[in-house]
Amino acid sequence: MDYEPFDTIAQVAAAFAGFVGVILAIRSRGGALPRLQMAGFLLTSLGAVAFALLPQFFLGILTNEKTAWQLLCGLFGLYHLWVFIYYLVKHKDLRKMALVQKSISISSVPVIGLKLAAGSGFLLDHALSIYHLGLLWLVGVSIFFFSQILLDEGHA
């Protein structure tokens, strides 16, 4: 299997995480950091790195490819669900959430659902595509948090 797309996603997500670290080091002198945005960014970008690297490991040790993708999708779905719940619980007032944040949160539900469905044994013929969609989704959400931190838009 060609792991290059996954490696590329891992590299992009890791680069974002490193760049934000530099920005935060510079900005920390100027005041408070956006903690919830920072947590959201780290959970999505580092999650993307980890889950982009896991297929090579799992497909190397498991003999049945469908079982490997089912397990990967299940783990990824549970992680994404945990991040989703964490973010919603930590957000102080959901009514004050910006429209873009609400849209991203609502749009995350079907992505999480697809990963959990594949993890439960449904849609296994599409598990690789679902997993890839999940990675791209996490990178996209990470870019959203990155832009909020970079532009200093509202401290959550």
Protein backbone atom coordinates (compact mmCIF):
# COMPACT_ATOMS: atom_id res chain seq x y z
CA MET A 1 0.00 0.00 0.00
CA ASP A 2 1.14 3.54 -0.77
CA TYR A 3 1.46 5.47 2.51
CA GLU A 4 2.59 8.73 0.86
CA PRO A 5 -0.78 10.54 1.25
CA PHE A 6 -0.82 9.68 4.96
CA ASP A 7 2.80 10.74 5.39
CA THR A 8 2.02 14.06 3.69
CA ILE A 9 -0.93 14.69 6.01
CA ALA A 10 1.28 13.90 9.02
CA GLN A 11 3.96 16.30 7.80
CA VAL A 12 1.47 19.12 7.20
CA ALA A 13 -0.16 18.69 10.60
CA ALA A 14 3.22 18.52 12.36
CA ALA A 15 4.38 21.66 10.54
CA PHE A 16 1.29 23.54 11.72
CA ALA A 17 1.91 22.42 15.29
CA GLY A 18 5.51 23.59 15.13
CA PHE A 19 4.59 26.93 13.60
CA VAL A 20 1.96 27.59 16.25
CA GLY A 21 4.56 26.82 18.91
CA VAL A 22 6.75 29.60 17.54
CA ILE A 23 3.81 32.01 17.32
CA LEU A 24 2.78 31.24 20.90
CA ALA A 25 6.28 31.74 22.20
CA ILE A 26 6.38 35.18 20.61
CA ARG A 27 2.82 36.12 21.60
CA SER A 28 3.06 34.86 25.19
CA ARG A 29 4.89 38.05 26.09
CA GLY A 30 1.85 40.09 25.07
CA GLY A 31 -0.86 38.53 27.22
CA ALA A 32 -3.16 35.58 27.70
CA LEU A 33 -3.26 32.78 25.17
CA PRO A 34 -6.54 31.42 23.77
CA ARG A 35 -6.59 28.18 25.79
CA LEU A 36 -9.62 26.48 24.24
CA GLN A 37 -8.51 27.34 20.72
CA MET A 38 -5.01 26.12 21.56
CA ALA A 39 -6.36 22.86 22.99
CA GLY A 40 -8.58 22.39 19.93
CA PHE A 41 -5.65 23.05 17.64
CA LEU A 42 -3.33 20.65 19.44
CA LEU A 43 -5.94 17.89 19.67
CA THR A 44 -6.75 18.11 15.97
CA SER A 45 -3.26 18.65 14.56
CA LEU A 46 -1.48 16.10 16.74
CA GLY A 47 -4.40 13.69 16.29
CA ALA A 48 -3.96 14.05 12.53
CA VAL A 49 -0.25 13.29 12.87
CA ALA A 50 -0.85 10.20 15.01
CA PHE A 51 -3.68 8.80 12.92
CA ALA A 52 -1.82 9.46 9.67
CA LEU A 53 1.06 7.33 10.93
CA LEU A 54 -0.99 4.49 12.46
CA PRO A 55 -2.07 2.72 9.23
CA GLN A 56 1.50 1.78 8.37
CA PHE A 57 1.87 0.19 11.80
CA PHE A 58 -1.51 -1.58 11.91
CA LEU A 59 -1.32 -2.86 8.34
CA GLY A 60 2.15 -4.16 9.10
CA ILE A 61 1.05 -6.30 12.06
CA LEU A 62 -2.48 -7.37 11.10
CA THR A 63 -2.85 -9.92 8.33
CA ASN A 64 -6.44 -9.05 7.38
CA GLU A 65 -6.54 -5.60 5.77
CA LYS A 66 -10.29 -5.13 6.35
CA THR A 67 -9.85 -5.88 10.05
CA ALA A 68 -7.01 -3.36 10.22
CA TRP A 69 -9.12 -0.62 8.61
CA GLN A 70 -12.08 -1.48 10.82
CA LEU A 71 -9.91 -1.15 13.92
CA LEU A 72 -8.28 2.04 12.66
CA CYS A 73 -11.63 3.64 11.82
CA GLY A 74 -13.06 2.64 15.20
CA LEU A 75 -10.13 4.09 17.14
CA PHE A 76 -10.13 7.22 15.01
CA GLY A 77 -13.89 7.64 15.40
CA LEU A 78 -13.66 7.31 19.18
CA TYR A 79 -10.80 9.81 19.33
CA HIS A 80 -12.68 12.29 17.16
CA LEU A 81 -15.81 11.83 19.27
CA TRP A 82 -13.78 12.50 22.43
CA VAL A 83 -12.29 15.69 20.92
CA PHE A 84 -15.77 16.79 19.82
CA ILE A 85 -17.26 16.24 23.29
CA TYR A 86 -14.26 17.82 25.02
CA TYR A 87 -14.55 20.96 22.92
CA LEU A 88 -18.30 21.30 23.39
CA VAL A 89 -18.10 20.70 27.15
CA LYS A 90 -15.24 23.18 27.60
CA HIS A 91 -16.92 25.89 25.51
CA LYS A 92 -18.55 28.07 28.16
CA ASP A 93 -21.61 29.22 26.20
CA LEU A 94 -22.52 27.37 23.02
CA ARG A 95 -24.89 30.20 22.03
CA LYS A 96 -21.91 32.56 21.82
CA MET A 97 -20.05 30.21 19.50
CA ALA A 98 -19.31 31.86 16.15
CA LEU A 99 -21.31 30.66 13.15
CA VAL A 100 -18.21 29.08 11.59
CA GLN A 101 -17.50 27.18 14.81
CA LYS A 102 -21.11 25.98 15.00
CA SER A 103 -20.96 24.89 11.37
CA ILE A 104 -17.73 22.97 11.91
CA SER A 105 -19.12 21.33 15.04
CA ILE A 106 -22.34 20.27 13.33
CA SER A 107 -20.47 19.11 10.21
CA SER A 108 -18.15 16.99 12.35
CA VAL A 109 -21.03 14.73 13.39
CA PRO A 110 -21.38 12.87 10.04
CA VAL A 111 -17.59 12.50 9.75
CA ILE A 112 -17.46 10.99 13.24
CA GLY A 113 -20.48 8.82 12.40
CA LEU A 114 -18.86 7.45 9.24
CA LYS A 115 -15.68 6.52 11.13
CA LEU A 116 -17.65 4.84 13.91
CA ALA A 117 -19.82 3.01 11.36
CA ALA A 118 -16.72 1.66 9.61
CA GLY A 119 -15.28 0.78 13.01
CA SER A 120 -18.46 -1.17 13.77
CA GLY A 121 -18.10 -3.22 10.60
CA PHE A 122 -20.35 -1.24 8.26
CA LEU A 123 -19.07 0.35 5.04
CA LEU A 124 -15.83 -1.64 5.23
CA ASP A 125 -15.41 -1.46 1.46
CA HIS A 126 -15.07 2.30 1.94
CA ALA A 127 -13.08 2.28 5.20
CA LEU A 128 -9.87 3.59 3.60
CA SER A 129 -11.74 6.53 2.04
CA ILE A 130 -13.59 7.22 5.28
CA TYR A 131 -10.31 7.18 7.20
CA HIS A 132 -8.75 9.53 4.66
CA LEU A 133 -11.76 11.86 4.91
CA GLY A 134 -11.35 11.88 8.70
CA LEU A 135 -7.70 12.85 8.39
CA LEU A 136 -8.45 15.64 5.95
CA TRP A 137 -11.27 16.82 8.22
CA LEU A 138 -8.94 17.01 11.24
CA VAL A 139 -6.35 18.92 9.23
CA GLY A 140 -9.07 21.30 8.04
CA VAL A 141 -10.30 21.91 11.59
CA SER A 142 -6.70 22.35 12.67
CA ILE A 143 -6.26 25.01 9.98
CA PHE A 144 -9.37 26.77 11.31
CA PHE A 145 -7.96 26.84 14.86
CA PHE A 146 -4.58 27.87 13.46
CA SER A 147 -6.11 30.85 11.66
CA GLN A 148 -7.99 31.89 14.81
CA ILE A 149 -4.80 31.78 16.86
CA LEU A 150 -2.78 33.53 14.18
CA LEU A 151 -5.35 36.28 13.69
CA ASP A 152 -6.06 36.48 17.43
CA GLU A 153 -9.81 36.16 16.83
CA GLY A 154 -11.69 35.90 20.10
CA HIS A 155 -10.36 34.02 23.06
CA ALA A 156 -12.55 31.01 23.73
